[in-house]
PDB file of N, CA and C in Angstrom:
ATOM      1  N   MET A   1     -26.585  35.234  -5.877  1.00  0.00           N
ATOM      2  CA  MET A   1     -27.128  34.141  -6.719  1.00  0.00           C
ATOM      3  C   MET A   1     -25.943  33.199  -6.999  1.00  0.00           C
ATOM      4  N   ALA A   2     -26.154  31.891  -6.982  1.00  0.00           N
ATOM      5  CA  ALA A   2     -25.141  31.025  -7.166  1.00  0.00           C
ATOM      6  C   ALA A   2     -24.783  30.881  -8.768  1.00  0.00           C
ATOM      7  N   CYS A   3     -23.584  30.688  -9.076  1.00  0.00           N
ATOM      8  CA  CYS A   3     -23.274  30.554 -10.542  1.00  0.00           C
ATOM      9  C   CYS A   3     -22.523  29.268 -10.583  1.00  0.00           C
ATOM     10  N   PRO A   4     -22.755  28.642 -11.798  1.00  0.00           N
ATOM     11  CA  PRO A   4     -22.144  27.410 -12.249  1.00  0.00           C
ATOM     12  C   PRO A   4     -20.568  27.444 -12.131  1.00  0.00           C
ATOM     13  N   LYS A   5     -20.027  26.268 -11.712  1.00  0.00           N
ATOM     14  CA  LYS A   5     -18.589  26.107 -11.680  1.00  0.00           C
ATOM     15  C   LYS A   5     -18.003  25.992 -13.171  1.00  0.00           C
ATOM     16  N   LYS A   6     -16.757  26.427 -13.363  1.00  0.00           N
ATOM     17  CA  LYS A   6     -16.132  25.942 -14.701  1.00  0.00           C
ATOM     18  C   LYS A   6     -15.801  24.609 -14.698  1.00  0.00           C
ATOM     19  N   LYS A   7     -15.910  24.155 -16.107  1.00  0.00           N
ATOM     20  CA  LYS A   7     -15.810  22.703 -16.353  1.00  0.00           C
ATOM     21  C   LYS A   7     -14.236  22.472 -16.277  1.00  0.00           C
ATOM     22  N   THR A   8     -14.058  21.227 -15.659  1.00  0.00           N
ATOM     23  CA  THR A   8     -12.691  20.776 -15.530  1.00  0.00           C
ATOM     24  C   THR A   8     -12.346  20.286 -16.878  1.00  0.00           C
ATOM     25  N   SER A   9     -10.994  20.545 -17.257  1.00  0.00           N
ATOM     26  CA  SER A   9     -10.594  19.911 -18.540  1.00  0.00           C
ATOM     27  C   SER A   9     -10.255  18.420 -18.488  1.00  0.00           C
ATOM     28  N   LYS A  10     -10.304  17.780 -19.573  1.00  0.00           N
ATOM     29  CA  LYS A  10     -10.174  16.236 -19.686  1.00  0.00           C
ATOM     30  C   LYS A  10      -8.683  15.981 -19.125  1.00  0.00           C
ATOM     31  N   SER A  11      -7.743  16.792 -19.429  1.00  0.00           N
ATOM     32  CA  SER A  11      -6.220  16.559 -18.999  1.00  0.00           C
ATOM     33  C   SER A  11      -6.074  16.748 -17.622  1.00  0.00           C
ATOM     34  N   LYS A  12      -6.719  17.647 -16.876  1.00  0.00           N
ATOM     35  CA  LYS A  12      -6.748  17.728 -15.524  1.00  0.00           C
ATOM     36  C   LYS A  12      -7.305  16.609 -14.723  1.00  0.00           C
ATOM     37  N   ARG A  13      -8.543  16.188 -15.321  1.00  0.00           N
ATOM     38  CA  ARG A  13      -9.196  14.813 -14.794  1.00  0.00           C
ATOM     39  C   ARG A  13      -8.277  13.684 -14.955  1.00  0.00           C
ATOM     40  N   ASP A  14      -7.824  13.370 -16.167  1.00  0.00           N
ATOM     41  CA  ASP A  14      -7.026  12.292 -16.269  1.00  0.00           C
ATOM     42  C   ASP A  14      -5.633  12.478 -15.430  1.00  0.00           C
ATOM     43  N   LYS A  15      -4.998  13.468 -15.150  1.00  0.00           N
ATOM     44  CA  LYS A  15      -3.859  13.541 -14.235  1.00  0.00           C
ATOM     45  C   LYS A  15      -4.294  13.146 -13.007  1.00  0.00           C
ATOM     46  N   ARG A  16      -5.512  13.530 -12.437  1.00  0.00           N
ATOM     47  CA  ARG A  16      -5.878  13.133 -11.117  1.00  0.00           C
ATOM     48  C   ARG A  16      -6.188  11.580 -11.023  1.00  0.00           C
ATOM     49  N   ARG A  17      -6.767  11.057 -11.952  1.00  0.00           N
ATOM     50  CA  ARG A  17      -6.931   9.598 -12.148  1.00  0.00           C
ATOM     51  C   ARG A  17      -5.790   8.847 -12.244  1.00  0.00           C
ATOM     52  N   ALA A  18      -4.724   9.254 -12.970  1.00  0.00           N
ATOM     53  CA  ALA A  18      -3.558   8.615 -13.015  1.00  0.00           C
ATOM     54  C   ALA A  18      -2.653   8.632 -11.729  1.00  0.00           C
ATOM     55  N   ASN A  19      -2.848   9.853 -11.022  1.00  0.00           N
ATOM     56  CA  ASN A  19      -2.241   9.856  -9.887  1.00  0.00           C
ATOM     57  C   ASN A  19      -2.756   8.955  -8.677  1.00  0.00           C
ATOM     58  N   TRP A  20      -4.185   8.884  -8.730  1.00  0.00           N
ATOM     59  CA  TRP A  20      -4.830   8.009  -7.862  1.00  0.00           C
ATOM     60  C   TRP A  20      -4.436   6.499  -8.125  1.00  0.00           C
ATOM     61  N   ASN A  21      -4.421   6.159  -9.419  1.00  0.00           N
ATOM     62  CA  ASN A  21      -4.116   4.776  -9.723  1.00  0.00           C
ATOM     63  C   ASN A  21      -2.688   4.413  -9.390  1.00  0.00           C
ATOM     64  N   HIS A  22      -1.700   5.340  -9.565  1.00  0.00           N
ATOM     65  CA  HIS A  22      -0.402   5.112  -9.283  1.00  0.00           C
ATOM     66  C   HIS A  22      -0.102   4.916  -7.736  1.00  0.00           C
ATOM     67  N   LEU A  23      -0.744   5.630  -7.042  1.00  0.00           N
ATOM     68  CA  LEU A  23      -0.725   5.596  -5.476  1.00  0.00           C
ATOM     69  C   LEU A  23      -0.944   4.021  -5.068  1.00  0.00           C
ATOM     70  N   GLY A  24      -2.129   3.546  -5.633  1.00  0.00           N
ATOM     71  CA  GLY A  24      -2.379   2.152  -5.309  1.00  0.00           C
ATOM     72  C   GLY A  24      -1.359   1.063  -5.652  1.00  0.00           C
ATOM     73  N   SER A  25      -0.717   1.345  -6.796  1.00  0.00           N
ATOM     74  CA  SER A  25       0.341   0.317  -7.225  1.00  0.00           C
ATOM     75  C   SER A  25       1.656   0.571  -6.321  1.00  0.00           C
ATOM     76  N   VAL A  26       1.836   1.821  -5.918  1.00  0.00           N
ATOM     77  CA  VAL A  26       2.927   2.071  -4.900  1.00  0.00           C
ATOM     78  C   VAL A  26       2.830   1.325  -3.610  1.00  0.00           C
ATOM     79  N   GLN A  27       1.506   1.402  -3.021  1.00  0.00           N
ATOM     80  CA  GLN A  27       1.194   0.820  -1.835  1.00  0.00           C
ATOM     81  C   GLN A  27       1.281  -0.772  -2.039  1.00  0.00           C
ATOM     82  N   ALA A  28       0.846  -1.247  -2.924  1.00  0.00           N
ATOM     83  CA  ALA A  28       0.846  -2.736  -3.297  1.00  0.00           C
ATOM     84  C   ALA A  28       2.367  -3.173  -3.323  1.00  0.00           C
ATOM     85  N   ALA A  29       3.133  -2.450  -4.053  1.00  0.00           N
ATOM     86  CA  ALA A  29       4.696  -2.867  -3.982  1.00  0.00           C
ATOM     87  C   ALA A  29       5.290  -2.759  -2.612  1.00  0.00           C
ATOM     88  N   LYS A  30       4.894  -1.778  -1.869  1.00  0.00           N
ATOM     89  CA  LYS A  30       5.323  -1.674  -0.458  1.00  0.00           C
ATOM     90  C   LYS A  30       4.958  -2.935   0.212  1.00  0.00           C
ATOM     91  N   ALA A  31       3.569  -3.261   0.356  1.00  0.00           N
ATOM     92  CA  ALA A  31       3.204  -4.329   1.005  1.00  0.00           C
ATOM     93  C   ALA A  31       3.741  -5.755   0.653  1.00  0.00           C
ATOM     94  N   MET A  32       3.992  -5.855  -0.668  1.00  0.00           N
ATOM     95  CA  MET A  32       4.700  -6.995  -1.253  1.00  0.00           C
ATOM     96  C   MET A  32       6.138  -7.109  -0.607  1.00  0.00           C
ATOM     97  N   SER A  33       6.695  -5.981  -0.648  1.00  0.00           N
ATOM     98  CA  SER A  33       8.161  -5.983  -0.132  1.00  0.00           C
ATOM     99  C   SER A  33       8.318  -6.370   1.383  1.00  0.00           C
ATOM    100  N   MET A  34       7.145  -5.766   2.118  1.00  0.00           N
ATOM    101  CA  MET A  34       7.297  -6.068   3.554  1.00  0.00           C
ATOM    102  C   MET A  34       6.911  -7.497   3.802  1.00  0.00           C
ATOM    103  N   GLY A  35       5.962  -7.997   3.134  1.00  0.00           N
ATOM    104  CA  GLY A  35       5.560  -9.431   3.252  1.00  0.00           C
ATOM    105  C   GLY A  35       6.823 -10.392   3.051  1.00  0.00           C
ATOM    106  N   LYS A  36       7.665  -9.960   1.911  1.00  0.00           N
ATOM    107  CA  LYS A  36       8.820 -10.784   1.486  1.00  0.00           C
ATOM    108  C   LYS A  36       9.878 -10.739   2.616  1.00  0.00           C
ATOM    109  N   SER A  37       9.971  -9.517   3.253  1.00  0.00           N
ATOM    110  CA  SER A  37      11.022  -9.413   4.179  1.00  0.00           C
ATOM    111  C   SER A  37      10.638 -10.092   5.502  1.00  0.00           C
ATOM    112  N   ILE A  38       9.298 -10.166   5.727  1.00  0.00           N
ATOM    113  CA  ILE A  38       8.957 -10.885   6.900  1.00  0.00           C
ATOM    114  C   ILE A  38       9.101 -12.367   6.812  1.00  0.00           C
ATOM    115  N   LEU A  39       8.859 -12.992   5.637  1.00  0.00           N
ATOM    116  CA  LEU A  39       8.909 -14.336   5.363  1.00  0.00           C
ATOM    117  C   LEU A  39      10.450 -14.859   5.402  1.00  0.00           C
ATOM    118  N   THR A  40      11.282 -13.940   4.956  1.00  0.00           N
ATOM    119  CA  THR A  40      12.632 -14.300   4.869  1.00  0.00           C
ATOM    120  C   THR A  40      13.314 -14.164   6.164  1.00  0.00           C
ATOM    121  N   GLY A  41      12.758 -13.346   7.083  1.00  0.00           N
ATOM    122  CA  GLY A  41      13.326 -13.048   8.348  1.00  0.00           C
ATOM    123  C   GLY A  41      14.248 -11.867   8.433  1.00  0.00           C
ATOM    124  N   ARG A  42      14.266 -11.134   7.305  1.00  0.00           N
ATOM    125  CA  ARG A  42      15.199 -10.033   7.107  1.00  0.00           C
ATOM    126  C   ARG A  42      14.499  -8.775   7.596  1.00  0.00           C
ATOM    127  N   ALA A  43      13.289  -8.748   8.133  1.00  0.00           N
ATOM    128  CA  ALA A  43      12.560  -7.516   8.570  1.00  0.00           C
ATOM    129  C   ALA A  43      13.282  -6.860   9.695  1.00  0.00           C
ATOM    130  N   GLN A  44      13.572  -5.507   9.417  1.00  0.00           N
ATOM    131  CA  GLN A  44      14.051  -4.664  10.530  1.00  0.00           C
ATOM    132  C   GLN A  44      13.070  -3.381  10.874  1.00  0.00           C
ATOM    133  N   GLY A  45      12.987  -3.210  12.021  1.00  0.00           N
ATOM    134  CA  GLY A  45      11.870  -2.163  12.347  1.00  0.00           C
ATOM    135  C   GLY A  45      10.663  -2.357  12.155  1.00  0.00           C
ATOM    136  N   PHE A  46      10.254  -3.654  12.185  1.00  0.00           N
ATOM    137  CA  PHE A  46       8.883  -4.154  12.062  1.00  0.00           C
ATOM    138  C   PHE A  46       8.785  -5.208  13.094  1.00  0.00           C
ATOM    139  N   TYR A  47       7.695  -5.118  14.117  1.00  0.00           N
ATOM    140  CA  TYR A  47       7.539  -6.065  15.133  1.00  0.00           C
ATOM    141  C   TYR A  47       6.622  -7.158  14.517  1.00  0.00           C
ATOM    142  N   TYR A  48       6.972  -8.324  14.647  1.00  0.00           N
ATOM    143  CA  TYR A  48       6.179  -9.452  14.228  1.00  0.00           C
ATOM    144  C   TYR A  48       5.990 -10.572  15.128  1.00  0.00           C
ATOM    145  N   PRO A  49       5.018 -10.492  16.081  1.00  0.00           N
ATOM    146  CA  PRO A  49       4.926 -11.371  17.039  1.00  0.00           C
ATOM    147  C   PRO A  49       4.934 -12.869  16.729  1.00  0.00           C
ATOM    148  N   VAL A  50       5.531 -13.844  17.323  1.00  0.00           N
ATOM    149  CA  VAL A  50       5.405 -15.191  16.973  1.00  0.00           C
ATOM    150  C   VAL A  50       5.031 -15.979  18.347  1.00  0.00           C
ATOM    151  N   ASP A  51       4.010 -16.843  18.100  1.00  0.00           N
ATOM    152  CA  ASP A  51       3.530 -17.494  19.292  1.00  0.00           C
ATOM    153  C   ASP A  51       4.510 -18.628  19.626  1.00  0.00           C
ATOM    154  N   ASP A  52       4.886 -18.846  20.937  1.00  0.00           N
ATOM    155  CA  ASP A  52       5.784 -19.751  21.536  1.00  0.00           C
ATOM    156  C   ASP A  52       5.138 -21.237  21.231  1.00  0.00           C
ATOM    157  N   GLU A  53       3.802 -21.252  21.422  1.00  0.00           N
ATOM    158  CA  GLU A  53       3.229 -22.533  21.320  1.00  0.00           C
ATOM    159  C   GLU A  53       3.426 -23.239  19.929  1.00  0.00           C
ATOM    160  N   THR A  54       3.333 -22.388  18.778  1.00  0.00           N
ATOM    161  CA  THR A  54       3.460 -22.955  17.408  1.00  0.00           C
ATOM    162  C   THR A  54       4.848 -23.433  17.096  1.00  0.00           C
ATOM    163  N   GLU A  55       5.861 -22.700  17.759  1.00  0.00           N
ATOM    164  CA  GLU A  55       7.151 -23.126  17.543  1.00  0.00           C
ATOM    165  C   GLU A  55       7.514 -24.469  18.221  1.00  0.00           C
ATOM    166  N   ALA A  56       6.772 -24.672  19.405  1.00  0.00           N
ATOM    167  CA  ALA A  56       6.970 -25.817  20.138  1.00  0.00           C
ATOM    168  C   ALA A  56       6.377 -27.005  19.455  1.00  0.00           C
ATOM    169  N   GLU A  57       5.266 -26.760  18.617  1.00  0.00           N
ATOM    170  CA  GLU A  57       4.622 -27.836  18.102  1.00  0.00           C
ATOM    171  C   GLU A  57       5.362 -28.347  16.738  1.00  0.00           C
ATOM    172  N   GLU A  58       6.124 -27.372  16.194  1.00  0.00           N
ATOM    173  CA  GLU A  58       6.726 -27.656  14.943  1.00  0.00           C
ATOM    174  C   GLU A  58       7.961 -28.462  15.180  1.00  0.00           C
ATOM    175  N   ASP A  59       8.690 -28.415  16.235  1.00  0.00           N
ATOM    176  CA  ASP A  59       9.786 -29.166  16.664  1.00  0.00           C
ATOM    177  C   ASP A  59       9.477 -30.587  16.940  1.00  0.00           C
TER     178      ASP A  59
END
């Protein structure tokens, strides 16, 4: 016969939620950093294709 699970404490629940929210902010910071490095042209180890047609039109 199945038995009910033990109740999870509020502190364990809050720790999990805090960790989940923190992971999102870390990924957002990484994305912002990558975007800034691409715009400044200092990106290393990241392939960013540029169309030759658009460069010719700008000149």
